[in-house]
Amino acid sequence: MSGLVAALLVTLRWMQPAGSPPVEAFRVYLAAHPSRPGLIVYQGIPAPDELGAYSTSIEVGGNVFGWVTALNSIGESEPSNARLFVESTKVRGTRRQR
Protein backbone atom coordinates (compact mmCIF):
# COMPACT_ATOMS: atom_id res chain seq x y z
CA MET A 1 0.00 0.00 0.00
CA SER A 2 1.24 3.49 -0.71
CA GLY A 3 -0.30 6.87 -0.16
CA LEU A 4 0.14 10.57 -0.62
CA VAL A 5 -1.59 13.11 1.61
CA ALA A 6 -2.49 16.40 0.00
CA ALA A 7 -4.47 18.68 2.31
CA LEU A 8 -7.21 16.34 3.61
CA LEU A 9 -7.32 13.86 0.69
CA VAL A 10 -5.37 10.59 0.87
CA THR A 11 -5.06 8.40 -2.22
CA LEU A 12 -4.29 4.79 -1.32
CA ARG A 13 -2.90 2.33 -3.89
CA TRP A 14 -2.28 -1.38 -3.32
CA MET A 15 -1.74 -4.67 -5.14
CA GLN A 16 -3.36 -8.02 -4.49
CA PRO A 17 -0.62 -10.65 -4.16
CA ALA A 18 -0.33 -13.02 -7.14
CA GLY A 19 -1.99 -16.37 -6.54
CA SER A 20 -4.06 -15.17 -3.60
CA PRO A 21 -7.74 -16.24 -3.31
CA PRO A 22 -10.39 -14.15 -5.10
CA VAL A 23 -11.35 -11.00 -3.20
CA GLU A 24 -14.96 -9.89 -2.78
CA ALA A 25 -14.09 -6.51 -1.21
CA PHE A 26 -11.30 -4.52 0.37
CA ARG A 27 -11.56 -2.51 3.58
CA VAL A 28 -9.50 0.57 4.38
CA TYR A 29 -9.08 1.49 8.03
CA LEU A 30 -7.84 4.75 9.56
CA ALA A 31 -6.84 5.47 13.17
CA ALA A 32 -4.89 8.04 15.18
CA HIS A 33 -2.62 5.22 16.41
CA PRO A 34 -1.41 2.08 14.59
CA SER A 35 -3.26 -0.18 17.02
CA ARG A 36 -6.37 -1.94 15.79
CA PRO A 37 -9.33 -1.72 15.47
CA GLY A 38 -9.65 1.44 13.43
CA LEU A 39 -12.52 3.13 11.67
CA ILE A 40 -13.60 1.53 8.37
CA VAL A 41 -13.55 4.41 5.89
CA TYR A 42 -13.91 2.40 2.69
CA GLN A 43 -15.32 -0.97 1.75
CA GLY A 44 -15.61 -2.09 -1.85
CA ILE A 45 -13.64 -3.35 -4.79
CA PRO A 46 -12.35 -0.58 -7.05
CA ALA A 47 -11.48 -1.46 -10.61
CA PRO A 48 -7.77 -2.28 -10.90
CA ASP A 49 -5.62 -0.17 -13.22
CA GLU A 50 -3.64 -1.56 -16.17
CA LEU A 51 -0.93 -2.84 -13.79
CA GLY A 52 -3.44 -4.59 -11.51
CA ALA A 53 -3.21 -2.00 -8.72
CA TYR A 54 -6.30 -0.91 -6.82
CA SER A 55 -6.77 2.63 -5.52
CA THR A 56 -9.23 4.80 -3.66
CA SER A 57 -9.17 8.30 -2.21
CA ILE A 58 -10.18 9.04 1.38
CA GLU A 59 -10.64 12.36 3.18
CA VAL A 60 -8.79 12.59 6.48
CA GLY A 61 -8.24 15.15 9.20
CA GLY A 62 -4.70 15.42 10.54
CA ASN A 63 -2.00 12.76 10.58
CA VAL A 64 -3.46 9.23 10.56
CA PHE A 65 -2.42 5.62 10.23
CA GLY A 66 -4.04 3.55 7.49
CA TRP A 67 -4.14 -0.12 6.51
CA VAL A 68 -6.01 -2.43 4.13
CA THR A 69 -7.65 -5.84 4.52
CA ALA A 70 -9.28 -8.15 1.98
CA LEU A 71 -12.63 -9.90 2.34
CA ASN A 72 -13.75 -13.16 0.74
CA SER A 73 -15.90 -16.20 1.62
CA ILE A 74 -13.27 -17.30 4.18
CA GLY A 75 -13.44 -13.99 6.07
CA GLU A 76 -11.23 -10.96 6.50
CA SER A 77 -7.49 -11.13 5.84
CA GLU A 78 -4.77 -10.08 8.21
CA PRO A 79 -4.21 -6.32 7.91
CA SER A 80 -1.48 -4.76 5.85
CA ASN A 81 1.27 -2.96 7.69
CA ALA A 82 -0.11 0.26 9.16
CA ARG A 83 1.41 3.36 7.60
CA LEU A 84 1.39 6.90 8.89
CA PHE A 85 0.08 9.44 6.40
CA VAL A 86 1.64 12.85 6.97
CA GLU A 87 0.93 15.84 4.80
CA SER A 88 3.09 15.82 1.63
CA THR A 89 4.89 12.58 2.56
CA LYS A 90 4.78 9.49 0.35
CA VAL A 91 4.77 6.14 2.16
CA ARG A 92 5.03 2.56 0.95
CA GLY A 93 4.15 -0.83 2.38
CA THR A 94 2.93 -4.29 1.46
CA ARG A 95 -0.34 -6.10 2.01
CA ARG A 96 -0.59 -9.54 3.56
CA GLN A 97 -3.27 -11.99 2.37
CA ARG A 98 -4.69 -15.02 4.17
PDB file of N, CA and C in Angstrom:
ATOM      1  N   MET A   1       0.852  -1.150   0.000  1.00  0.00           N
ATOM      2  CA  MET A   1       0.000   0.000   0.000  1.00  0.00           C
ATOM      3  C   MET A   1       0.900   1.214   0.000  1.00  0.00           C
ATOM      4  N   SER A   2       0.514   2.227  -0.738  1.00  0.00           N
ATOM      5  CA  SER A   2       1.237   3.487  -0.708  1.00  0.00           C
ATOM      6  C   SER A   2       0.217   4.602  -0.638  1.00  0.00           C
ATOM      7  N   GLY A   3       0.643   5.762  -0.252  1.00  0.00           N
ATOM      8  CA  GLY A   3      -0.297   6.867  -0.156  1.00  0.00           C
ATOM      9  C   GLY A   3       0.403   8.200  -0.211  1.00  0.00           C
ATOM     10  N   LEU A   4      -0.355   9.211  -0.585  1.00  0.00           N
ATOM     11  CA  LEU A   4       0.143  10.572  -0.620  1.00  0.00           C
ATOM     12  C   LEU A   4      -0.943  11.451  -0.029  1.00  0.00           C
ATOM     13  N   VAL A   5      -0.621  12.225   0.987  1.00  0.00           N
ATOM     14  CA  VAL A   5      -1.590  13.115   1.608  1.00  0.00           C
ATOM     15  C   VAL A   5      -1.407  14.493   1.010  1.00  0.00           C
ATOM     16  N   ALA A   6      -2.492  15.042   0.500  1.00  0.00           N
ATOM     17  CA  ALA A   6      -2.488  16.400   0.001  1.00  0.00           C
ATOM     18  C   ALA A   6      -3.681  17.090   0.644  1.00  0.00           C
ATOM     19  N   ALA A   7      -3.424  18.036   1.518  1.00  0.00           N
ATOM     20  CA  ALA A   7      -4.473  18.680   2.305  1.00  0.00           C
ATOM     21  C   ALA A   7      -5.184  17.600   3.109  1.00  0.00           C
ATOM     22  N   LEU A   8      -6.457  17.338   2.850  1.00  0.00           N
ATOM     23  CA  LEU A   8      -7.207  16.340   3.606  1.00  0.00           C
ATOM     24  C   LEU A   8      -7.603  15.157   2.740  1.00  0.00           C
ATOM     25  N   LEU A   9      -6.991  14.971   1.586  1.00  0.00           N
ATOM     26  CA  LEU A   9      -7.324  13.865   0.691  1.00  0.00           C
ATOM     27  C   LEU A   9      -6.142  12.895   0.609  1.00  0.00           C
ATOM     28  N   VAL A  10      -6.389  11.632   0.940  1.00  0.00           N
ATOM     29  CA  VAL A  10      -5.366  10.590   0.870  1.00  0.00           C
ATOM     30  C   VAL A  10      -5.752   9.642  -0.254  1.00  0.00           C
ATOM     31  N   THR A  11      -4.836   9.396  -1.171  1.00  0.00           N
ATOM     32  CA  THR A  11      -5.065   8.400  -2.221  1.00  0.00           C
ATOM     33  C   THR A  11      -4.244   7.170  -1.872  1.00  0.00           C
ATOM     34  N   LEU A  12      -4.933   6.056  -1.646  1.00  0.00           N
ATOM     35  CA  LEU A  12      -4.286   4.788  -1.322  1.00  0.00           C
ATOM     36  C   LEU A  12      -4.196   3.943  -2.579  1.00  0.00           C
ATOM     37  N   ARG A  13      -3.107   3.215  -2.726  1.00  0.00           N
ATOM     38  CA  ARG A  13      -2.895   2.334  -3.885  1.00  0.00           C
ATOM     39  C   ARG A  13      -2.269   1.057  -3.371  1.00  0.00           C
ATOM     40  N   TRP A  14      -2.812  -0.095  -3.777  1.00  0.00           N
ATOM     41  CA  TRP A  14      -2.284  -1.383  -3.317  1.00  0.00           C
ATOM     42  C   TRP A  14      -2.454  -2.444  -4.375  1.00  0.00           C
ATOM     43  N   MET A  15      -1.700  -3.526  -4.223  1.00  0.00           N
ATOM     44  CA  MET A  15      -1.739  -4.666  -5.139  1.00  0.00           C
ATOM     45  C   MET A  15      -2.225  -5.896  -4.377  1.00  0.00           C
ATOM     46  N   GLN A  16      -2.984  -6.727  -5.053  1.00  0.00           N
ATOM     47  CA  GLN A  16      -3.355  -8.024  -4.493  1.00  0.00           C
ATOM     48  C   GLN A  16      -2.236  -8.992  -4.847  1.00  0.00           C
ATOM     49  N   PRO A  17      -1.715  -9.728  -3.860  1.00  0.00           N
ATOM     50  CA  PRO A  17      -0.617 -10.651  -4.162  1.00  0.00           C
ATOM     51  C   PRO A  17      -1.008 -11.700  -5.211  1.00  0.00           C
ATOM     52  N   ALA A  18      -0.087 -12.005  -6.111  1.00  0.00           N
ATOM     53  CA  ALA A  18      -0.328 -13.020  -7.143  1.00  0.00           C
ATOM     54  C   ALA A  18      -0.646 -14.354  -6.489  1.00  0.00           C
ATOM     55  N   GLY A  19      -1.631 -15.052  -7.029  1.00  0.00           N
ATOM     56  CA  GLY A  19      -1.990 -16.371  -6.542  1.00  0.00           C
ATOM     57  C   GLY A  19      -2.852 -16.380  -5.299  1.00  0.00           C
ATOM     58  N   SER A  20      -3.221 -15.210  -4.788  1.00  0.00           N
ATOM     59  CA  SER A  20      -4.064 -15.171  -3.596  1.00  0.00           C
ATOM     60  C   SER A  20      -5.516 -15.463  -3.979  1.00  0.00           C
ATOM     61  N   PRO A  21      -6.339 -15.907  -3.008  1.00  0.00           N
ATOM     62  CA  PRO A  21      -7.740 -16.236  -3.310  1.00  0.00           C
ATOM     63  C   PRO A  21      -8.501 -15.024  -3.850  1.00  0.00           C
ATOM     64  N   PRO A  22      -9.587 -15.264  -4.588  1.00  0.00           N
ATOM     65  CA  PRO A  22     -10.394 -14.150  -5.100  1.00  0.00           C
ATOM     66  C   PRO A  22     -10.898 -13.264  -3.955  1.00  0.00           C
ATOM     67  N   VAL A  23     -10.918 -11.974  -4.201  1.00  0.00           N
ATOM     68  CA  VAL A  23     -11.352 -10.998  -3.202  1.00  0.00           C
ATOM     69  C   VAL A  23     -12.733 -10.487  -3.573  1.00  0.00           C
ATOM     70  N   GLU A  24     -13.615 -10.431  -2.574  1.00  0.00           N
ATOM     71  CA  GLU A  24     -14.958  -9.892  -2.780  1.00  0.00           C
ATOM     72  C   GLU A  24     -15.013  -8.403  -2.467  1.00  0.00           C
ATOM     73  N   ALA A  25     -14.159  -7.934  -1.567  1.00  0.00           N
ATOM     74  CA  ALA A  25     -14.091  -6.513  -1.214  1.00  0.00           C
ATOM     75  C   ALA A  25     -12.802  -6.250  -0.453  1.00  0.00           C
ATOM     76  N   PHE A  26     -12.405  -4.993  -0.447  1.00  0.00           N
ATOM     77  CA  PHE A  26     -11.298  -4.519   0.372  1.00  0.00           C
ATOM     78  C   PHE A  26     -11.861  -3.566   1.409  1.00  0.00           C
ATOM     79  N   ARG A  27     -11.215  -3.495   2.561  1.00  0.00           N
ATOM     80  CA  ARG A  27     -11.556  -2.509   3.580  1.00  0.00           C
ATOM     81  C   ARG A  27     -10.324  -1.660   3.845  1.00  0.00           C
ATOM     82  N   VAL A  28     -10.548  -0.358   3.985  1.00  0.00           N
ATOM     83  CA  VAL A  28      -9.497   0.569   4.377  1.00  0.00           C
ATOM     84  C   VAL A  28      -9.869   1.100   5.756  1.00  0.00           C
ATOM     85  N   TYR A  29      -8.905   1.015   6.665  1.00  0.00           N
ATOM     86  CA  TYR A  29      -9.084   1.486   8.029  1.00  0.00           C
ATOM     87  C   TYR A  29      -8.182   2.688   8.279  1.00  0.00           C
ATOM     88  N   LEU A  30      -8.649   3.629   9.117  1.00  0.00           N
ATOM     89  CA  LEU A  30      -7.837   4.749   9.565  1.00  0.00           C
ATOM     90  C   LEU A  30      -7.943   4.847  11.079  1.00  0.00           C
ATOM     91  N   ALA A  31      -6.850   5.280  11.723  1.00  0.00           N
ATOM     92  CA  ALA A  31      -6.840   5.474  13.175  1.00  0.00           C
ATOM     93  C   ALA A  31      -5.742   6.465  13.543  1.00  0.00           C
ATOM     94  N   ALA A  32      -5.900   7.099  14.690  1.00  0.00           N
ATOM     95  CA  ALA A  32      -4.889   8.043  15.176  1.00  0.00           C
ATOM     96  C   ALA A  32      -3.622   7.324  15.619  1.00  0.00           C
ATOM     97  N   HIS A  33      -3.750   6.049  15.981  1.00  0.00           N
ATOM     98  CA  HIS A  33      -2.622   5.224  16.409  1.00  0.00           C
ATOM     99  C   HIS A  33      -2.622   3.936  15.588  1.00  0.00           C
ATOM    100  N   PRO A  34      -1.466   3.281  15.435  1.00  0.00           N
ATOM    101  CA  PRO A  34      -1.414   2.084  14.586  1.00  0.00           C
ATOM    102  C   PRO A  34      -2.082   0.853  15.194  1.00  0.00           C
ATOM    103  N   SER A  35      -2.578   0.969  16.414  1.00  0.00           N
ATOM    104  CA  SER A  35      -3.259  -0.179  17.020  1.00  0.00           C
ATOM    105  C   SER A  35      -4.619  -0.380  16.354  1.00  0.00           C
ATOM    106  N   ARG A  36      -5.087  -1.606  16.397  1.00  0.00           N
ATOM    107  CA  ARG A  36      -6.366  -1.940  15.795  1.00  0.00           C
ATOM    108  C   ARG A  36      -7.388  -2.191  16.886  1.00  0.00           C
ATOM    109  N   PRO A  37      -8.658  -2.008  16.730  1.00  0.00           N
ATOM    110  CA  PRO A  37      -9.331  -1.717  15.466  1.00  0.00           C
ATOM    111  C   PRO A  37      -9.324  -0.228  15.138  1.00  0.00           C
ATOM    112  N   GLY A  38      -9.537   0.061  13.881  1.00  0.00           N
ATOM    113  CA  GLY A  38      -9.650   1.439  13.425  1.00  0.00           C
ATOM    114  C   GLY A  38     -11.039   1.653  12.873  1.00  0.00           C
ATOM    115  N   LEU A  39     -11.246   2.786  12.283  1.00  0.00           N
ATOM    116  CA  LEU A  39     -12.523   3.133  11.673  1.00  0.00           C
ATOM    117  C   LEU A  39     -12.492   2.693  10.210  1.00  0.00           C
ATOM    118  N   ILE A  40     -13.498   1.916   9.784  1.00  0.00           N
ATOM    119  CA  ILE A  40     -13.596   1.530   8.369  1.00  0.00           C
ATOM    120  C   ILE A  40     -14.056   2.767   7.600  1.00  0.00           C
ATOM    121  N   VAL A  41     -13.221   3.224   6.671  1.00  0.00           N
ATOM    122  CA  VAL A  41     -13.545   4.414   5.890  1.00  0.00           C
ATOM    123  C   VAL A  41     -13.837   4.089   4.435  1.00  0.00           C
ATOM    124  N   TYR A  42     -13.593   2.846   4.056  1.00  0.00           N
ATOM    125  CA  TYR A  42     -13.908   2.402   2.686  1.00  0.00           C
ATOM    126  C   TYR A  42     -14.110   0.897   2.713  1.00  0.00           C
ATOM    127  N   GLN A  43     -15.149   0.453   2.005  1.00  0.00           N
ATOM    128  CA  GLN A  43     -15.319  -0.974   1.749  1.00  0.00           C
ATOM    129  C   GLN A  43     -15.871  -1.109   0.338  1.00  0.00           C
ATOM    130  N   GLY A  44     -15.198  -1.890  -0.474  1.00  0.00           N
ATOM    131  CA  GLY A  44     -15.614  -2.093  -1.853  1.00  0.00           C
ATOM    132  C   GLY A  44     -14.497  -2.732  -2.633  1.00  0.00           C
ATOM    133  N   ILE A  45     -14.686  -2.796  -3.935  1.00  0.00           N
ATOM    134  CA  ILE A  45     -13.636  -3.347  -4.792  1.00  0.00           C
ATOM    135  C   ILE A  45     -13.490  -2.428  -6.001  1.00  0.00           C
ATOM    136  N   PRO A  46     -12.554  -1.477  -5.912  1.00  0.00           N
ATOM    137  CA  PRO A  46     -12.349  -0.577  -7.046  1.00  0.00           C
ATOM    138  C   PRO A  46     -11.774  -1.339  -8.231  1.00  0.00           C
ATOM    139  N   ALA A  47     -12.035  -0.835  -9.405  1.00  0.00           N
ATOM    140  CA  ALA A  47     -11.482  -1.457 -10.608  1.00  0.00           C
ATOM    141  C   ALA A  47      -9.966  -1.313 -10.600  1.00  0.00           C
ATOM    142  N   PRO A  48      -9.229  -2.392 -10.857  1.00  0.00           N
ATOM    143  CA  PRO A  48      -7.771  -2.278 -10.903  1.00  0.00           C
ATOM    144  C   PRO A  48      -7.321  -1.508 -12.146  1.00  0.00           C
ATOM    145  N   ASP A  49      -6.166  -0.866 -12.053  1.00  0.00           N
ATOM    146  CA  ASP A  49      -5.619  -0.171 -13.220  1.00  0.00           C
ATOM    147  C   ASP A  49      -4.935  -1.171 -14.141  1.00  0.00           C
ATOM    148  N   GLU A  50      -4.266  -0.683 -15.162  1.00  0.00           N
ATOM    149  CA  GLU A  50      -3.641  -1.561 -16.167  1.00  0.00           C
ATOM    150  C   GLU A  50      -2.529  -2.424 -15.590  1.00  0.00           C
ATOM    151  N   LEU A  51      -1.975  -2.048 -14.437  1.00  0.00           N
ATOM    152  CA  LEU A  51      -0.933  -2.841 -13.789  1.00  0.00           C
ATOM    153  C   LEU A  51      -1.491  -3.780 -12.713  1.00  0.00           C
ATOM    154  N   GLY A  52      -2.809  -3.736 -12.517  1.00  0.00           N
ATOM    155  CA  GLY A  52      -3.441  -4.586 -11.506  1.00  0.00           C
ATOM    156  C   GLY A  52      -3.498  -3.966 -10.126  1.00  0.00           C
ATOM    157  N   ALA A  53      -3.171  -2.684 -10.014  1.00  0.00           N
ATOM    158  CA  ALA A  53      -3.211  -1.998  -8.718  1.00  0.00           C
ATOM    159  C   ALA A  53      -4.597  -1.415  -8.484  1.00  0.00           C
ATOM    160  N   TYR A  54      -5.030  -1.494  -7.244  1.00  0.00           N
ATOM    161  CA  TYR A  54      -6.298  -0.910  -6.820  1.00  0.00           C
ATOM    162  C   TYR A  54      -6.008   0.434  -6.166  1.00  0.00           C
ATOM    163  N   SER A  55      -6.960   1.364  -6.221  1.00  0.00           N
ATOM    164  CA  SER A  55      -6.766   2.629  -5.518  1.00  0.00           C
ATOM    165  C   SER A  55      -8.109   3.233  -5.140  1.00  0.00           C
ATOM    166  N   THR A  56      -8.067   4.025  -4.098  1.00  0.00           N
ATOM    167  CA  THR A  56      -9.233   4.797  -3.665  1.00  0.00           C
ATOM    168  C   THR A  56      -8.726   6.025  -2.933  1.00  0.00           C
ATOM    169  N   SER A  57      -9.532   7.072  -2.915  1.00  0.00           N
ATOM    170  CA  SER A  57      -9.173   8.304  -2.209  1.00  0.00           C
ATOM    171  C   SER A  57     -10.079   8.463  -0.998  1.00  0.00           C
ATOM    172  N   ILE A  58      -9.484   8.908   0.102  1.00  0.00           N
ATOM    173  CA  ILE A  58     -10.178   9.044   1.380  1.00  0.00           C
ATOM    174  C   ILE A  58      -9.875  10.425   1.955  1.00  0.00           C
ATOM    175  N   GLU A  59     -10.882  11.098   2.479  1.00  0.00           N
ATOM    176  CA  GLU A  59     -10.644  12.361   3.176  1.00  0.00           C
ATOM    177  C   GLU A  59     -10.267  12.075   4.621  1.00  0.00           C
ATOM    178  N   VAL A  60      -9.242  12.766   5.096  1.00  0.00           N
ATOM    179  CA  VAL A  60      -8.794  12.590   6.480  1.00  0.00           C
ATOM    180  C   VAL A  60      -8.574  13.950   7.131  1.00  0.00           C
ATOM    181  N   GLY A  61      -8.535  13.939   8.447  1.00  0.00           N
ATOM    182  CA  GLY A  61      -8.236  15.153   9.199  1.00  0.00           C
ATOM    183  C   GLY A  61      -7.009  14.912  10.051  1.00  0.00           C
ATOM    184  N   GLY A  62      -5.925  15.580   9.769  1.00  0.00           N
ATOM    185  CA  GLY A  62      -4.700  15.419  10.541  1.00  0.00           C
ATOM    186  C   GLY A  62      -3.898  14.208  10.110  1.00  0.00           C
ATOM    187  N   ASN A  63      -2.854  13.908  10.867  1.00  0.00           N
ATOM    188  CA  ASN A  63      -2.000  12.756  10.581  1.00  0.00           C
ATOM    189  C   ASN A  63      -2.700  11.493  11.060  1.00  0.00           C
ATOM    190  N   VAL A  64      -2.769  10.472  10.211  1.00  0.00           N
ATOM    191  CA  VAL A  64      -3.459   9.231  10.558  1.00  0.00           C
ATOM    192  C   VAL A  64      -2.677   8.024  10.069  1.00  0.00           C
ATOM    193  N   PHE A  65      -2.930   6.902  10.693  1.00  0.00           N
ATOM    194  CA  PHE A  65      -2.416   5.620  10.235  1.00  0.00           C
ATOM    195  C   PHE A  65      -3.503   4.961   9.392  1.00  0.00           C
ATOM    196  N   GLY A  66      -3.093   4.248   8.346  1.00  0.00           N
ATOM    197  CA  GLY A  66      -4.037   3.546   7.494  1.00  0.00           C
ATOM    198  C   GLY A  66      -3.534   2.160   7.164  1.00  0.00           C
ATOM    199  N   TRP A  67      -4.473   1.237   6.934  1.00  0.00           N
ATOM    200  CA  TRP A  67      -4.136  -0.122   6.510  1.00  0.00           C
ATOM    201  C   TRP A  67      -5.299  -0.700   5.726  1.00  0.00           C
ATOM    202  N   VAL A  68      -5.025  -1.796   5.014  1.00  0.00           N
ATOM    203  CA  VAL A  68      -6.006  -2.430   4.127  1.00  0.00           C
ATOM    204  C   VAL A  68      -6.159  -3.891   4.523  1.00  0.00           C
ATOM    205  N   THR A  69      -7.395  -4.411   4.404  1.00  0.00           N
ATOM    206  CA  THR A  69      -7.653  -5.842   4.525  1.00  0.00           C
ATOM    207  C   THR A  69      -8.452  -6.279   3.307  1.00  0.00           C
ATOM    208  N   ALA A  70      -8.491  -7.579   3.075  1.00  0.00           N
ATOM    209  CA  ALA A  70      -9.281  -8.147   1.979  1.00  0.00           C
ATOM    210  C   ALA A  70     -10.362  -9.037   2.571  1.00  0.00           C
ATOM    211  N   LEU A  71     -11.513  -9.068   1.914  1.00  0.00           N
ATOM    212  CA  LEU A  71     -12.634  -9.903   2.343  1.00  0.00           C
ATOM    213  C   LEU A  71     -12.971 -10.907   1.252  1.00  0.00           C
ATOM    214  N   ASN A  72     -13.241 -12.153   1.666  1.00  0.00           N
ATOM    215  CA  ASN A  72     -13.753 -13.165   0.742  1.00  0.00           C
ATOM    216  C   ASN A  72     -14.621 -14.132   1.539  1.00  0.00           C
ATOM    217  N   SER A  73     -15.000 -15.249   0.950  1.00  0.00           N
ATOM    218  CA  SER A  73     -15.898 -16.197   1.619  1.00  0.00           C
ATOM    219  C   SER A  73     -15.278 -16.808   2.873  1.00  0.00           C
ATOM    220  N   ILE A  74     -13.956 -16.760   2.995  1.00  0.00           N
ATOM    221  CA  ILE A  74     -13.272 -17.295   4.176  1.00  0.00           C
ATOM    222  C   ILE A  74     -13.356 -16.308   5.341  1.00  0.00           C
ATOM    223  N   GLY A  75     -13.396 -15.031   5.042  1.00  0.00           N
ATOM    224  CA  GLY A  75     -13.440 -13.990   6.067  1.00  0.00           C
ATOM    225  C   GLY A  75     -12.564 -12.821   5.693  1.00  0.00           C
ATOM    226  N   GLU A  76     -12.066 -12.129   6.711  1.00  0.00           N
ATOM    227  CA  GLU A  76     -11.232 -10.956   6.503  1.00  0.00           C
ATOM    228  C   GLU A  76      -9.759 -11.331   6.678  1.00  0.00           C
ATOM    229  N   SER A  77      -8.927 -10.832   5.785  1.00  0.00           N
ATOM    230  CA  SER A  77      -7.486 -11.130   5.839  1.00  0.00           C
ATOM    231  C   SER A  77      -6.833 -10.431   7.022  1.00  0.00           C
ATOM    232  N   GLU A  78      -5.600 -10.819   7.271  1.00  0.00           N
ATOM    233  CA  GLU A  78      -4.772 -10.076   8.207  1.00  0.00           C
ATOM    234  C   GLU A  78      -4.567  -8.683   7.609  1.00  0.00           C
ATOM    235  N   PRO A  79      -4.399  -7.671   8.437  1.00  0.00           N
ATOM    236  CA  PRO A  79      -4.215  -6.321   7.905  1.00  0.00           C
ATOM    237  C   PRO A  79      -2.836  -6.126   7.282  1.00  0.00           C
ATOM    238  N   SER A  80      -2.779  -5.184   6.371  1.00  0.00           N
ATOM    239  CA  SER A  80      -1.477  -4.765   5.849  1.00  0.00           C
ATOM    240  C   SER A  80      -0.721  -4.079   6.976  1.00  0.00           C
ATOM    241  N   ASN A  81       0.522  -3.769   6.731  1.00  0.00           N
ATOM    242  CA  ASN A  81       1.272  -2.963   7.688  1.00  0.00           C
ATOM    243  C   ASN A  81       0.617  -1.589   7.776  1.00  0.00           C
ATOM    244  N   ALA A  82       0.442  -1.087   8.976  1.00  0.00           N
ATOM    245  CA  ALA A  82      -0.109   0.261   9.163  1.00  0.00           C
ATOM    246  C   ALA A  82       0.936   1.279   8.749  1.00  0.00           C
ATOM    247  N   ARG A  83       0.499   2.294   8.045  1.00  0.00           N
ATOM    248  CA  ARG A  83       1.407   3.356   7.598  1.00  0.00           C
ATOM    249  C   ARG A  83       0.867   4.697   8.055  1.00  0.00           C
ATOM    250  N   LEU A  84       1.762   5.558   8.488  1.00  0.00           N
ATOM    251  CA  LEU A  84       1.393   6.900   8.894  1.00  0.00           C
ATOM    252  C   LEU A  84       1.337   7.790   7.662  1.00  0.00           C
ATOM    253  N   PHE A  85       0.230   8.490   7.493  1.00  0.00           N
ATOM    254  CA  PHE A  85       0.083   9.443   6.396  1.00  0.00           C
ATOM    255  C   PHE A  85       0.242  10.838   6.966  1.00  0.00           C
ATOM    256  N   VAL A  86       1.304  11.511   6.517  1.00  0.00           N
ATOM    257  CA  VAL A  86       1.640  12.851   6.975  1.00  0.00           C
ATOM    258  C   VAL A  86       1.601  13.758   5.756  1.00  0.00           C
ATOM    259  N   GLU A  87       1.079  14.928   5.921  1.00  0.00           N
ATOM    260  CA  GLU A  87       0.927  15.838   4.795  1.00  0.00           C
ATOM    261  C   GLU A  87       2.185  15.930   3.943  1.00  0.00           C
ATOM    262  N   SER A  88       2.031  15.736   2.636  1.00  0.00           N
ATOM    263  CA  SER A  88       3.093  15.823   1.627  1.00  0.00           C
ATOM    264  C   SER A  88       4.184  14.776   1.776  1.00  0.00           C
ATOM    265  N   THR A  89       3.921  13.651   2.411  1.00  0.00           N
ATOM    266  CA  THR A  89       4.894  12.578   2.562  1.00  0.00           C
ATOM    267  C   THR A  89       4.374  11.324   1.880  1.00  0.00           C
ATOM    268  N   LYS A  90       5.167  10.727   1.012  1.00  0.00           N
ATOM    269  CA  LYS A  90       4.783   9.494   0.351  1.00  0.00           C
ATOM    270  C   LYS A  90       5.272   8.323   1.191  1.00  0.00           C
ATOM    271  N   VAL A  91       4.409   7.311   1.381  1.00  0.00           N
ATOM    272  CA  VAL A  91       4.773   6.141   2.161  1.00  0.00           C
ATOM    273  C   VAL A  91       4.487   4.894   1.358  1.00  0.00           C
ATOM    274  N   ARG A  92       5.233   3.811   1.659  1.00  0.00           N
ATOM    275  CA  ARG A  92       5.034   2.556   0.947  1.00  0.00           C
ATOM    276  C   ARG A  92       4.965   1.425   1.944  1.00  0.00           C
ATOM    277  N   GLY A  93       4.257   0.359   1.559  1.00  0.00           N
ATOM    278  CA  GLY A  93       4.153  -0.833   2.383  1.00  0.00           C
ATOM    279  C   GLY A  93       3.628  -1.980   1.554  1.00  0.00           C
ATOM    280  N   THR A  94       3.463  -3.135   2.163  1.00  0.00           N
ATOM    281  CA  THR A  94       2.934  -4.291   1.459  1.00  0.00           C
ATOM    282  C   THR A  94       1.719  -4.822   2.192  1.00  0.00           C
ATOM    283  N   ARG A  95       0.883  -5.548   1.482  1.00  0.00           N
ATOM    284  CA  ARG A  95      -0.342  -6.103   2.013  1.00  0.00           C
ATOM    285  C   ARG A  95      -0.202  -7.594   2.179  1.00  0.00           C
ATOM    286  N   ARG A  96      -0.619  -8.099   3.334  1.00  0.00           N
ATOM    287  CA  ARG A  96      -0.590  -9.539   3.557  1.00  0.00           C
ATOM    288  C   ARG A  96      -1.972 -10.108   3.256  1.00  0.00           C
ATOM    289  N   GLN A  97      -2.023 -11.305   2.729  1.00  0.00           N
ATOM    290  CA  GLN A  97      -3.271 -11.990   2.369  1.00  0.00           C
ATOM    291  C   GLN A  97      -3.330 -13.313   3.090  1.00  0.00           C
ATOM    292  N   ARG A  98      -4.513 -13.703   3.574  1.00  0.00           N
ATOM    293  CA  ARG A  98      -4.685 -15.024   4.173  1.00  0.00           C
ATOM    294  C   ARG A  98      -4.624 -16.088   3.136  1.00  0.00           C
TER     295      ARG A  98
END
